[in-house]
Amino acid sequence: MWCLFLNCLIMIPENTKPTNFFKFEGLRIYHKSVDFINAILSLSNTVQTNAQKIIIDQFLTEAGHISANIIEGAGRSKTEFIEYLQKAKSNIGKCVMLCALASKQSLIDDTQETDIRNELMELTKMIGALIISFQKHDSVNNPEV
């Protein structure tokens, strides 16, 4: 009887979708940042020179740091989360530089450069909006005296 009861607690009905165990998986910005990593990863197929390989490797590192900072911040306090979001914005800035370098090294064409820059701008806006929403929420709950 007890085993049957435990079995009911542990089993998840097949027709239900599991909820996000990890808090960051509920954030659109996280999914957007993973999509960005995937887009940069697809550029690795076009690498022809050692210089291009170095650029792509660094690009992937910085793109990964965007997601990593979102993940790490999501599990912390609001103040710390804002700090990690600001770090993610710094990683976006580095990606902008790497995008320009990739263009100069003929790793990407003008259209790809524009698309990547647009993705980076959208990530920046989303992070900025998230930071502002935290700050507004804090100012409403803790008005200055």
Protein backbone atom coordinates (compact mmCIF):
# COMPACT_ATOMS: atom_id res chain seq x y z
CA MET A 1 0.00 0.00 0.00
CA TRP A 2 2.75 2.48 0.97
CA CYS A 3 4.74 1.60 -2.17
CA LEU A 4 1.65 2.21 -4.25
CA PHE A 5 1.20 5.61 -2.60
CA LEU A 6 4.85 6.56 -3.28
CA ASN A 7 4.48 5.43 -6.85
CA CYS A 8 1.56 7.84 -7.31
CA LEU A 9 3.62 10.71 -5.89
CA ILE A 10 6.59 10.09 -8.13
CA MET A 11 4.92 9.25 -11.43
CA ILE A 12 4.01 12.11 -13.71
CA PRO A 13 1.05 11.61 -16.03
CA GLU A 14 2.23 11.20 -19.62
CA ASN A 15 -0.06 13.91 -20.99
CA THR A 16 1.32 16.67 -18.75
CA LYS A 17 4.35 18.74 -19.62
CA PRO A 18 6.90 18.93 -16.80
CA THR A 19 7.36 22.35 -15.27
CA ASN A 20 10.68 24.14 -15.39
CA PHE A 21 12.81 22.81 -12.59
CA PHE A 22 15.42 25.47 -13.22
CA LYS A 23 14.22 29.04 -12.62
CA PHE A 24 16.18 30.45 -15.57
CA GLU A 25 14.34 28.19 -18.04
CA GLY A 26 11.26 30.35 -17.54
CA LEU A 27 13.09 33.43 -18.84
CA ARG A 28 12.72 34.38 -22.51
CA ILE A 29 16.12 36.07 -22.38
CA TYR A 30 17.74 32.74 -21.50
CA HIS A 31 16.19 31.00 -24.51
CA LYS A 32 17.11 33.92 -26.76
CA SER A 33 20.72 33.76 -25.57
CA VAL A 34 20.89 30.01 -26.27
CA ASP A 35 19.51 30.64 -29.77
CA PHE A 36 22.28 33.21 -30.24
CA ILE A 37 24.94 30.67 -29.24
CA ASN A 38 23.45 28.26 -31.75
CA ALA A 39 23.61 30.90 -34.50
CA ILE A 40 27.28 31.60 -33.77
CA LEU A 41 27.99 27.88 -33.63
CA SER A 42 26.64 27.52 -37.16
CA LEU A 43 29.34 29.96 -38.32
CA SER A 44 32.02 27.46 -37.32
CA ASN A 45 31.23 25.51 -40.50
CA THR A 46 32.57 28.39 -42.60
CA VAL A 47 35.95 28.74 -40.86
CA GLN A 48 38.80 28.68 -43.36
CA THR A 49 41.77 30.22 -41.56
CA ASN A 50 43.34 29.99 -38.13
CA ALA A 51 42.46 33.64 -37.49
CA GLN A 52 38.80 32.90 -38.24
CA LYS A 53 38.88 29.90 -35.89
CA ILE A 54 40.23 32.11 -33.10
CA ILE A 55 37.45 34.65 -33.70
CA ILE A 56 34.71 31.97 -33.67
CA ASP A 57 36.13 30.36 -30.52
CA GLN A 58 36.14 33.72 -28.72
CA PHE A 59 32.68 34.56 -30.12
CA LEU A 60 31.31 31.27 -28.74
CA THR A 61 32.97 31.91 -25.38
CA GLU A 62 31.43 35.37 -25.02
CA ALA A 63 28.02 34.19 -26.28
CA GLY A 64 28.18 31.37 -23.73
CA HIS A 65 29.01 33.86 -21.00
CA ILE A 66 25.81 35.77 -21.80
CA SER A 67 23.75 32.67 -21.01
CA ALA A 68 25.96 31.66 -18.09
CA ASN A 69 25.52 35.04 -16.40
CA ILE A 70 21.74 34.84 -16.84
CA ILE A 71 21.74 31.33 -15.37
CA GLU A 72 23.96 32.23 -12.44
CA GLY A 73 22.08 35.43 -11.64
CA ALA A 74 18.65 33.80 -11.78
CA GLY A 75 19.46 31.71 -8.73
CA ARG A 76 20.46 34.69 -6.60
CA SER A 77 18.91 37.76 -4.99
CA LYS A 78 17.46 40.53 -7.17
CA THR A 79 20.46 42.77 -6.51
CA GLU A 80 22.88 40.02 -7.49
CA PHE A 81 20.75 39.09 -10.50
CA ILE A 82 21.00 42.68 -11.73
CA GLU A 83 24.80 42.49 -11.36
CA TYR A 84 24.90 39.30 -13.43
CA LEU A 85 22.60 40.84 -16.05
CA GLN A 86 25.01 43.77 -16.28
CA LYS A 87 27.86 41.30 -16.78
CA ALA A 88 25.82 39.69 -19.57
CA LYS A 89 25.49 43.13 -21.19
CA SER A 90 29.28 43.45 -21.07
CA ASN A 91 29.56 40.10 -22.85
CA ILE A 92 27.16 41.42 -25.48
CA GLY A 93 29.49 44.38 -26.02
CA LYS A 94 32.37 41.98 -26.59
CA CYS A 95 30.21 40.10 -29.10
CA VAL A 96 29.62 43.36 -30.99
CA MET A 97 33.39 43.79 -31.32
CA LEU A 98 33.82 40.17 -32.41
CA CYS A 99 31.05 40.63 -34.97
CA ALA A 100 32.94 43.57 -36.49
CA LEU A 101 36.14 41.54 -36.48
CA ALA A 102 34.39 38.56 -38.10
CA SER A 103 33.18 40.89 -40.84
CA LYS A 104 36.67 42.32 -41.41
CA GLN A 105 38.07 38.78 -41.64
CA SER A 106 35.38 37.84 -44.23
CA LEU A 107 33.91 35.26 -41.89
CA ILE A 108 30.47 36.84 -42.27
CA ASP A 109 28.92 38.98 -44.98
CA ASP A 110 27.12 42.30 -44.53
CA THR A 111 23.71 40.65 -44.13
CA GLN A 112 24.99 38.27 -41.46
CA GLU A 113 26.69 41.14 -39.65
CA THR A 114 23.43 43.09 -39.63
CA ASP A 115 21.48 40.05 -38.41
CA ILE A 116 23.96 39.35 -35.60
CA ARG A 117 24.02 43.00 -34.54
CA ASN A 118 20.20 43.04 -34.50
CA GLU A 119 20.17 39.93 -32.28
CA LEU A 120 22.67 41.56 -29.93
CA MET A 121 20.58 44.75 -29.79
CA GLU A 122 17.48 42.71 -28.97
CA LEU A 123 19.34 40.84 -26.21
CA THR A 124 20.56 44.18 -24.81
CA LYS A 125 17.03 45.61 -24.81
CA MET A 126 15.60 42.52 -23.13
CA ILE A 127 18.25 42.57 -20.41
CA GLY A 128 17.77 46.31 -19.92
CA ALA A 129 14.01 45.85 -19.59
CA LEU A 130 14.51 43.08 -17.04
CA ILE A 131 16.87 45.26 -14.99
CA ILE A 132 14.42 48.18 -15.10
CA SER A 133 11.53 45.93 -14.04
CA PHE A 134 13.51 44.80 -10.98
CA GLN A 135 14.45 48.38 -10.12
CA LYS A 136 10.87 49.64 -10.52
CA HIS A 137 9.57 46.77 -8.39
CA ASP A 138 12.07 47.62 -5.66
CA SER A 139 11.26 51.35 -5.76
CA VAL A 140 7.52 50.61 -5.43
CA ASN A 141 8.07 48.23 -2.50
CA ASN A 142 10.79 50.31 -0.82
CA PRO A 143 10.08 54.00 -1.46
CA GLU A 144 12.65 56.46 -0.15
CA VAL A 145 11.63 58.30 3.00
